[in-house]
Structures are given as structure tokens and as C-alpha cells.
N, C-alpha and C. Protein backbone atom coordinates (compact mmCIF):
# COMPACT_ATOMS: atom_id res chain seq x y z
N LEU A 1 -2.85 -2.88 4.75
CA LEU A 1 -1.59 -3.47 4.36
C LEU A 1 -0.65 -3.41 5.56
N THR A 2 -0.13 -4.56 5.97
CA THR A 2 0.77 -4.62 7.12
C THR A 2 2.11 -5.19 6.70
N VAL A 3 3.18 -4.49 7.04
CA VAL A 3 4.54 -4.92 6.71
C VAL A 3 5.45 -4.72 7.91
N TRP A 4 6.64 -5.30 7.83
CA TRP A 4 7.67 -5.19 8.87
C TRP A 4 8.63 -4.05 8.51
N PRO A 5 9.27 -3.45 9.49
CA PRO A 5 10.30 -2.44 9.19
C PRO A 5 11.38 -3.03 8.29
N GLY A 6 11.82 -2.22 7.33
CA GLY A 6 12.87 -2.66 6.41
C GLY A 6 12.35 -3.30 5.14
N GLN A 7 11.07 -3.72 5.14
CA GLN A 7 10.49 -4.32 3.94
C GLN A 7 10.06 -3.24 2.96
N ASN A 8 9.70 -3.67 1.76
CA ASN A 8 9.10 -2.78 0.77
C ASN A 8 7.59 -2.94 0.83
N ALA A 9 6.86 -1.86 0.62
CA ALA A 9 5.40 -1.90 0.61
C ALA A 9 4.90 -1.41 -0.74
N THR A 10 4.01 -2.16 -1.36
CA THR A 10 3.39 -1.73 -2.61
C THR A 10 2.05 -1.10 -2.29
N LEU A 11 1.93 0.19 -2.59
CA LEU A 11 0.69 0.92 -2.38
C LEU A 11 -0.07 0.88 -3.70
N GLU A 12 -1.19 0.16 -3.71
CA GLU A 12 -1.94 -0.10 -4.93
C GLU A 12 -2.83 1.09 -5.31
N CYS A 13 -2.82 1.41 -6.61
CA CYS A 13 -3.72 2.43 -7.15
C CYS A 13 -3.83 2.20 -8.65
N ARG A 14 -5.05 2.20 -9.16
CA ARG A 14 -5.25 1.93 -10.58
C ARG A 14 -6.35 2.84 -11.12
N GLY A 15 -6.07 3.43 -12.27
CA GLY A 15 -7.07 4.22 -12.96
C GLY A 15 -7.63 3.43 -14.13
N SER A 16 -8.30 4.10 -15.01
CA SER A 16 -8.87 3.44 -16.18
C SER A 16 -7.77 3.04 -17.14
N SER A 17 -7.89 1.84 -17.70
CA SER A 17 -6.85 1.34 -18.61
C SER A 17 -6.94 1.96 -20.00
N ASP A 18 -8.07 2.60 -20.32
CA ASP A 18 -8.22 3.15 -21.67
C ASP A 18 -7.99 4.67 -21.74
N LEU A 19 -7.52 5.26 -20.65
CA LEU A 19 -7.23 6.70 -20.65
C LEU A 19 -5.75 6.93 -20.38
N MET A 20 -5.22 8.02 -20.89
CA MET A 20 -3.81 8.36 -20.68
C MET A 20 -3.65 9.08 -19.34
N ILE A 21 -2.71 8.62 -18.54
CA ILE A 21 -2.46 9.24 -17.24
C ILE A 21 -1.60 10.49 -17.43
N SER A 22 -2.10 11.61 -16.95
CA SER A 22 -1.38 12.88 -17.03
C SER A 22 -0.66 13.21 -15.73
N VAL A 23 -1.34 12.94 -14.60
CA VAL A 23 -0.79 13.28 -13.29
C VAL A 23 -1.09 12.16 -12.30
N VAL A 24 -0.10 11.84 -11.46
CA VAL A 24 -0.28 10.92 -10.33
C VAL A 24 0.25 11.63 -9.10
N GLN A 25 -0.59 11.71 -8.07
CA GLN A 25 -0.19 12.34 -6.81
C GLN A 25 -0.44 11.35 -5.68
N TRP A 26 0.60 10.99 -4.97
CA TRP A 26 0.46 10.19 -3.75
C TRP A 26 0.74 11.11 -2.57
N ARG A 27 -0.21 11.16 -1.62
CA ARG A 27 -0.07 12.02 -0.45
C ARG A 27 -0.30 11.22 0.83
N LYS A 28 0.23 11.76 1.89
CA LYS A 28 -0.04 11.25 3.24
C LYS A 28 -0.64 12.44 3.99
N PRO A 29 -1.93 12.38 4.34
CA PRO A 29 -2.62 13.55 4.90
C PRO A 29 -1.95 14.21 6.10
N ASP A 30 -1.17 13.47 6.89
CA ASP A 30 -0.55 14.10 8.06
C ASP A 30 0.72 14.87 7.73
N LEU A 31 1.10 14.93 6.44
CA LEU A 31 2.24 15.74 6.01
C LEU A 31 1.75 17.12 5.59
N LYS A 32 2.68 18.04 5.36
CA LYS A 32 2.30 19.37 4.88
C LYS A 32 1.51 19.23 3.57
N PRO A 33 0.51 20.09 3.36
CA PRO A 33 -0.34 19.99 2.16
C PRO A 33 0.41 20.11 0.84
N ASP A 34 1.54 20.79 0.83
CA ASP A 34 2.26 21.00 -0.43
C ASP A 34 3.39 19.99 -0.65
N SER A 35 3.45 18.94 0.18
CA SER A 35 4.49 17.93 -0.03
C SER A 35 3.84 16.59 -0.36
N TYR A 36 4.54 15.81 -1.14
CA TYR A 36 4.00 14.56 -1.66
C TYR A 36 4.85 13.37 -1.24
N VAL A 37 4.22 12.22 -1.23
CA VAL A 37 4.94 10.96 -1.11
C VAL A 37 5.58 10.67 -2.47
N PHE A 38 4.79 10.94 -3.54
CA PHE A 38 5.25 10.74 -4.91
C PHE A 38 4.45 11.67 -5.81
N PHE A 39 5.12 12.29 -6.79
CA PHE A 39 4.43 13.18 -7.72
C PHE A 39 4.94 12.92 -9.14
N TYR A 40 3.99 12.69 -10.06
CA TYR A 40 4.32 12.46 -11.47
C TYR A 40 3.45 13.39 -12.31
N ARG A 41 4.07 14.08 -13.23
CA ARG A 41 3.35 14.84 -14.26
C ARG A 41 4.00 14.47 -15.57
N LYS A 42 3.18 14.04 -16.49
CA LYS A 42 3.68 13.56 -17.77
C LYS A 42 4.74 14.50 -18.32
N PRO A 43 5.94 14.02 -18.61
CA PRO A 43 6.34 12.62 -18.83
C PRO A 43 7.21 12.01 -17.74
N HIS A 44 7.37 12.65 -16.54
CA HIS A 44 8.24 12.03 -15.53
C HIS A 44 7.86 12.45 -14.12
N SER A 45 8.48 11.80 -13.13
CA SER A 45 8.22 12.12 -11.73
C SER A 45 9.12 13.27 -11.29
N TYR A 46 8.70 13.93 -10.22
CA TYR A 46 9.43 15.09 -9.70
C TYR A 46 9.78 14.85 -8.23
N GLU A 47 11.02 14.51 -7.98
CA GLU A 47 11.46 14.24 -6.61
C GLU A 47 11.49 15.51 -5.76
N ASN A 48 11.66 16.67 -6.39
CA ASN A 48 11.73 17.91 -5.61
C ASN A 48 10.40 18.27 -4.95
N TYR A 49 9.29 17.65 -5.36
CA TYR A 49 7.99 17.88 -4.71
C TYR A 49 7.77 16.91 -3.54
N GLN A 50 8.65 15.94 -3.40
CA GLN A 50 8.48 14.93 -2.36
C GLN A 50 8.90 15.45 -0.98
N HIS A 51 8.20 14.96 0.02
CA HIS A 51 8.59 15.20 1.40
C HIS A 51 9.95 14.54 1.62
N GLU A 52 10.80 15.17 2.42
CA GLU A 52 12.17 14.68 2.64
C GLU A 52 12.23 13.20 3.02
N SER A 53 11.28 12.75 3.84
CA SER A 53 11.34 11.37 4.33
C SER A 53 11.07 10.33 3.25
N PHE A 54 10.58 10.76 2.08
CA PHE A 54 10.27 9.81 1.01
C PHE A 54 11.23 9.90 -0.17
N LYS A 55 12.08 10.89 -0.18
CA LYS A 55 13.01 11.05 -1.32
C LYS A 55 13.90 9.83 -1.47
N GLY A 56 13.97 9.33 -2.70
CA GLY A 56 14.80 8.18 -3.02
C GLY A 56 14.24 6.84 -2.58
N ARG A 57 13.00 6.83 -2.04
CA ARG A 57 12.42 5.57 -1.56
C ARG A 57 11.15 5.16 -2.28
N VAL A 58 10.65 5.98 -3.21
CA VAL A 58 9.37 5.69 -3.85
C VAL A 58 9.51 5.71 -5.36
N ASP A 59 9.02 4.66 -6.00
CA ASP A 59 9.02 4.57 -7.46
C ASP A 59 7.72 3.93 -7.93
N LEU A 60 7.35 4.24 -9.17
CA LEU A 60 6.20 3.56 -9.77
C LEU A 60 6.50 2.08 -9.90
N ARG A 61 5.51 1.24 -9.59
CA ARG A 61 5.69 -0.19 -9.77
C ARG A 61 5.83 -0.51 -11.25
N GLU A 62 5.02 0.15 -12.06
CA GLU A 62 5.03 -0.04 -13.52
C GLU A 62 5.34 1.32 -14.15
N PRO A 63 6.63 1.59 -14.46
CA PRO A 63 7.01 2.92 -14.96
C PRO A 63 6.20 3.41 -16.16
N SER A 64 5.72 2.50 -16.99
CA SER A 64 4.92 2.92 -18.15
C SER A 64 3.46 3.14 -17.78
N MET A 65 3.09 2.81 -16.54
CA MET A 65 1.72 2.90 -16.05
C MET A 65 0.75 2.14 -16.95
N LYS A 66 1.21 1.02 -17.46
CA LYS A 66 0.41 0.15 -18.32
C LYS A 66 -0.90 -0.23 -17.63
N ASP A 67 -1.97 -0.21 -18.38
CA ASP A 67 -3.30 -0.56 -17.88
C ASP A 67 -3.75 0.31 -16.71
N GLY A 68 -3.26 1.54 -16.64
CA GLY A 68 -3.70 2.47 -15.60
C GLY A 68 -3.08 2.24 -14.24
N ASP A 69 -2.03 1.42 -14.18
CA ASP A 69 -1.40 1.09 -12.90
C ASP A 69 -0.53 2.24 -12.39
N ALA A 70 -1.00 2.91 -11.34
CA ALA A 70 -0.25 4.01 -10.73
C ALA A 70 0.23 3.63 -9.33
N SER A 71 0.34 2.32 -9.09
CA SER A 71 0.83 1.83 -7.80
C SER A 71 2.29 2.23 -7.62
N VAL A 72 2.67 2.46 -6.37
CA VAL A 72 4.06 2.80 -6.08
C VAL A 72 4.64 1.80 -5.08
N ILE A 73 5.96 1.66 -5.14
CA ILE A 73 6.67 0.82 -4.18
C ILE A 73 7.41 1.75 -3.22
N LEU A 74 7.11 1.62 -1.94
CA LEU A 74 7.78 2.38 -0.89
C LEU A 74 8.83 1.44 -0.29
N ARG A 75 10.09 1.78 -0.48
CA ARG A 75 11.19 0.91 -0.05
C ARG A 75 11.63 1.22 1.39
N ASN A 76 12.13 0.17 2.03
CA ASN A 76 12.74 0.27 3.35
C ASN A 76 11.84 1.03 4.34
N VAL A 77 10.63 0.51 4.55
CA VAL A 77 9.66 1.19 5.40
C VAL A 77 10.11 1.21 6.86
N SER A 78 9.62 2.21 7.58
CA SER A 78 9.89 2.32 9.01
C SER A 78 8.56 2.57 9.72
N ILE A 79 8.58 2.49 11.04
CA ILE A 79 7.37 2.69 11.84
C ILE A 79 6.72 4.04 11.51
N SER A 80 7.51 5.06 11.24
CA SER A 80 6.97 6.40 10.95
C SER A 80 6.21 6.45 9.62
N ASP A 81 6.35 5.43 8.77
CA ASP A 81 5.60 5.38 7.51
C ASP A 81 4.17 4.91 7.72
N THR A 82 3.84 4.43 8.91
CA THR A 82 2.48 3.99 9.21
C THR A 82 1.49 5.14 8.99
N GLY A 83 0.36 4.84 8.36
CA GLY A 83 -0.67 5.85 8.17
C GLY A 83 -1.48 5.61 6.92
N THR A 84 -2.30 6.59 6.58
CA THR A 84 -3.16 6.53 5.40
C THR A 84 -2.46 7.24 4.25
N TYR A 85 -2.51 6.62 3.09
CA TYR A 85 -1.93 7.17 1.87
C TYR A 85 -3.06 7.36 0.86
N GLU A 86 -3.03 8.50 0.17
CA GLU A 86 -4.06 8.81 -0.82
C GLU A 86 -3.44 8.96 -2.20
N CYS A 87 -4.05 8.30 -3.16
CA CYS A 87 -3.61 8.37 -4.55
C CYS A 87 -4.65 9.13 -5.36
N GLU A 88 -4.19 10.04 -6.18
CA GLU A 88 -5.08 10.74 -7.10
C GLU A 88 -4.48 10.65 -8.50
N ILE A 89 -5.30 10.20 -9.44
CA ILE A 89 -4.87 10.07 -10.83
C ILE A 89 -5.72 11.01 -11.67
N ILE A 90 -5.06 11.81 -12.49
CA ILE A 90 -5.76 12.68 -13.43
C ILE A 90 -5.44 12.16 -14.82
N THR A 91 -6.49 11.88 -15.58
CA THR A 91 -6.32 11.30 -16.92
C THR A 91 -6.94 12.20 -17.97
N SER A 92 -6.54 11.96 -19.21
CA SER A 92 -7.15 12.67 -20.34
C SER A 92 -7.36 11.68 -21.47
N ASN A 93 -8.42 11.89 -22.21
CA ASN A 93 -8.74 11.02 -23.33
C ASN A 93 -8.21 11.66 -24.61
N THR A 94 -6.95 11.42 -24.90
CA THR A 94 -6.34 12.04 -26.08
C THR A 94 -6.66 11.29 -27.36
N ARG A 95 -7.14 10.06 -27.25
CA ARG A 95 -7.47 9.28 -28.45
C ARG A 95 -8.63 9.90 -29.22
N SER A 96 -9.58 10.47 -28.47
CA SER A 96 -10.74 11.06 -29.13
C SER A 96 -10.49 12.50 -29.54
N GLY A 97 -9.35 13.05 -29.13
CA GLY A 97 -9.04 14.43 -29.45
C GLY A 97 -9.68 15.41 -28.49
N GLU A 98 -10.48 14.89 -27.55
CA GLU A 98 -11.13 15.76 -26.57
C GLU A 98 -10.21 16.00 -25.39
N ARG A 99 -10.49 17.03 -24.64
CA ARG A 99 -9.69 17.32 -23.44
C ARG A 99 -10.47 16.85 -22.21
N ASP A 100 -11.03 15.68 -22.32
CA ASP A 100 -11.82 15.09 -21.25
C ASP A 100 -10.90 14.68 -20.10
N VAL A 101 -11.08 15.28 -18.94
CA VAL A 101 -10.22 14.97 -17.80
C VAL A 101 -11.05 14.26 -16.73
N LYS A 102 -10.54 13.13 -16.28
CA LYS A 102 -11.22 12.38 -15.23
C LYS A 102 -10.26 12.17 -14.08
N GLU A 103 -10.81 12.11 -12.89
CA GLU A 103 -9.99 11.89 -11.71
C GLU A 103 -10.38 10.58 -11.04
N PHE A 104 -9.38 9.87 -10.55
CA PHE A 104 -9.59 8.65 -9.79
C PHE A 104 -8.89 8.85 -8.45
N LYS A 105 -9.61 8.58 -7.37
CA LYS A 105 -9.01 8.73 -6.04
C LYS A 105 -9.12 7.40 -5.30
N HIS A 106 -8.08 7.12 -4.53
CA HIS A 106 -8.03 5.86 -3.78
C HIS A 106 -7.19 6.09 -2.54
N SER A 107 -7.55 5.44 -1.44
CA SER A 107 -6.72 5.53 -0.23
C SER A 107 -6.41 4.13 0.27
N ILE A 108 -5.29 4.01 0.97
CA ILE A 108 -4.84 2.73 1.50
C ILE A 108 -4.20 2.98 2.86
N ASN A 109 -4.44 2.08 3.80
CA ASN A 109 -3.84 2.19 5.13
C ASN A 109 -2.63 1.28 5.20
N LEU A 110 -1.51 1.83 5.62
CA LEU A 110 -0.27 1.08 5.78
C LEU A 110 0.06 1.01 7.27
N THR A 111 0.33 -0.19 7.74
CA THR A 111 0.77 -0.39 9.11
C THR A 111 2.15 -1.04 9.07
N VAL A 112 3.12 -0.36 9.64
CA VAL A 112 4.46 -0.92 9.76
C VAL A 112 4.59 -1.32 11.23
N THR A 113 4.67 -2.61 11.46
CA THR A 113 4.65 -3.11 12.83
C THR A 113 6.01 -3.65 13.25
N ASP A 114 6.36 -3.36 14.48
CA ASP A 114 7.62 -3.85 15.03
C ASP A 114 7.56 -5.37 15.10
N ALA A 115 8.67 -6.02 14.87
CA ALA A 115 8.73 -7.49 14.85
C ALA A 115 8.13 -8.10 16.11
N GLY A 116 8.27 -7.46 17.24
CA GLY A 116 7.74 -7.99 18.49
C GLY A 116 6.23 -7.95 18.59
N GLU A 117 5.57 -7.22 17.70
CA GLU A 117 4.12 -7.10 17.76
C GLU A 117 3.40 -8.21 17.01
N PHE A 118 4.10 -8.98 16.18
CA PHE A 118 3.45 -10.07 15.48
C PHE A 118 3.29 -11.25 16.42
N LEU A 119 2.08 -11.71 16.60
CA LEU A 119 1.81 -12.87 17.44
C LEU A 119 1.29 -13.99 16.56
N PHE A 120 1.57 -15.19 16.94
CA PHE A 120 1.12 -16.33 16.16
C PHE A 120 -0.21 -16.84 16.67
N SER A 121 -1.04 -17.28 15.76
CA SER A 121 -2.32 -17.87 16.08
C SER A 121 -2.30 -19.32 15.64
N LEU A 122 -2.83 -20.17 16.48
CA LEU A 122 -2.87 -21.58 16.14
C LEU A 122 -4.30 -22.00 15.88
N ALA A 123 -4.53 -22.62 14.74
CA ALA A 123 -5.83 -23.21 14.44
C ALA A 123 -5.67 -24.70 14.72
N CYS A 124 -6.40 -25.19 15.71
CA CYS A 124 -6.19 -26.57 16.17
C CYS A 124 -7.39 -27.45 15.85
N VAL A 125 -7.10 -28.70 15.51
CA VAL A 125 -8.12 -29.69 15.23
C VAL A 125 -7.79 -30.92 16.06
N CYS A 126 -8.74 -31.38 16.85
CA CYS A 126 -8.49 -32.58 17.66
C CYS A 126 -9.00 -33.81 16.93
N VAL A 127 -8.13 -34.77 16.75
CA VAL A 127 -8.49 -36.04 16.15
C VAL A 127 -8.04 -37.10 17.14
N SER A 128 -8.99 -37.80 17.73
CA SER A 128 -8.69 -38.75 18.81
C SER A 128 -7.92 -38.02 19.91
N LEU A 129 -6.72 -38.50 20.22
CA LEU A 129 -5.92 -37.88 21.28
C LEU A 129 -4.83 -36.99 20.73
N ILE A 130 -4.81 -36.79 19.40
CA ILE A 130 -3.75 -36.00 18.77
C ILE A 130 -4.32 -34.64 18.36
N THR A 131 -3.60 -33.58 18.64
CA THR A 131 -4.00 -32.24 18.22
C THR A 131 -3.05 -31.76 17.13
N PHE A 132 -3.61 -31.39 15.99
CA PHE A 132 -2.83 -30.86 14.89
C PHE A 132 -3.03 -29.35 14.85
N CYS A 133 -1.95 -28.60 14.80
CA CYS A 133 -2.04 -27.15 14.81
C CYS A 133 -1.22 -26.56 13.67
N CYS A 134 -1.76 -25.51 13.04
CA CYS A 134 -1.01 -24.80 12.02
C CYS A 134 -1.61 -23.42 11.84
N GLY A 135 -0.88 -22.54 11.16
CA GLY A 135 -1.41 -21.22 10.82
C GLY A 135 -0.63 -20.10 11.47
N GLN A 136 -0.96 -18.88 10.99
CA GLN A 136 -0.31 -17.67 11.51
C GLN A 136 -1.22 -16.50 11.23
N SER A 137 -1.35 -15.59 12.17
CA SER A 137 -2.09 -14.35 11.96
C SER A 137 -1.68 -13.37 13.04
N PRO A 138 -2.13 -12.12 12.95
CA PRO A 138 -1.70 -11.14 13.94
C PRO A 138 -2.42 -11.23 15.30
N THR A 139 -3.28 -12.25 15.55
CA THR A 139 -3.94 -12.36 16.84
C THR A 139 -3.75 -13.76 17.41
N VAL A 140 -3.94 -13.88 18.70
CA VAL A 140 -3.83 -15.18 19.35
C VAL A 140 -5.22 -15.77 19.49
N THR A 141 -5.38 -17.04 19.11
CA THR A 141 -6.66 -17.73 19.22
C THR A 141 -6.50 -18.91 20.16
N MET A 142 -7.40 -19.03 21.11
CA MET A 142 -7.38 -20.17 22.03
C MET A 142 -8.58 -21.04 21.71
N HIS A 143 -8.42 -22.35 21.84
CA HIS A 143 -9.49 -23.30 21.55
C HIS A 143 -9.70 -24.17 22.78
N VAL A 144 -10.94 -24.26 23.26
CA VAL A 144 -11.23 -25.05 24.46
C VAL A 144 -11.92 -26.34 24.04
N THR A 145 -11.37 -27.47 24.52
CA THR A 145 -11.99 -28.77 24.29
C THR A 145 -12.09 -29.47 25.64
N ARG A 146 -13.30 -29.83 26.03
CA ARG A 146 -13.53 -30.52 27.31
C ARG A 146 -12.87 -29.78 28.48
N ASP A 147 -13.10 -28.49 28.54
CA ASP A 147 -12.58 -27.65 29.62
C ASP A 147 -11.06 -27.66 29.74
N THR A 148 -10.36 -27.96 28.67
CA THR A 148 -8.90 -27.96 28.67
C THR A 148 -8.40 -27.01 27.61
N TRP A 149 -7.49 -26.10 27.96
CA TRP A 149 -6.92 -25.17 26.98
C TRP A 149 -5.83 -25.88 26.20
N ILE A 150 -5.88 -25.74 24.89
CA ILE A 150 -4.81 -26.28 24.05
C ILE A 150 -4.22 -25.20 23.19
């Protein structure tokens, strides 16, 4: 996932839709082991467990966690937010009356890139003597036709 500084980033994580979510833990491995990006224990989140740099910037995308959605929105990202994020979901099957606990783990890489680092790529098609170009991506692509760079 690549975003610009100042944008919001949605960190995707989903557990089983038929189990009740008891705990959601979002971590960034390069932080202290006892601090979180986001921590939820039924019935609410705990900001006091969050690392200082994430306080007030992270919320569940779907507060009810409908269909097992434990994705979070990280607001106003900065270059220092770049890195790997790990989501862990602990669920319980309360419908059956059992204390069946299952864990779901997922990781996502976030890259916050400075505006100057985005380069445009042109996909070119030559038709007769006219060249049509369009597109955008993070790399530059050159196309050679008859030993001429376009």
C-alpha cells in the first residue's frame, strides 16, 4: 500500500464473518513490544495502549466490525509511518456456547512516499506518425521505435 504524506491509509484486516471478535491488535514490529498501533478488547478500543505516535490517528473502519472487518484507518500519515503492520484478531464462537477461540493474523506493508518520489510512466502506442500516450505508475518506462526514444 503506497500513500502520500497527509493522506489517510486503510490497513486491511478481516477475520471470519461468523465468529464474534473479542480482541483486535494492530502492531508495528519496529515499535516497543508492549505498544500498539491500535488495541481493541470487547467492547471498546484502548488508546492508553497505543504508541504515542498513533494516538488520536487510528480508528476502526467499521466500528461494529461487521462481517469480521477489523481494518483500521490511519489518518494524516507521515514518512515515519512507513513499515510493516501486523493485525491479530482473536475470536470466540459464542453462538454455540463453546469457548472456541481462533486467531487470524495478517500483515501489510505501508509505504509513505514523498511527493517528489512519484514518477510518471507513459504507455505509448504509435499509430502512423502520431504517438498516443497515457498512464501513471511509480516507475519510468521508455519505448523504442525505429531506434528513436519517445
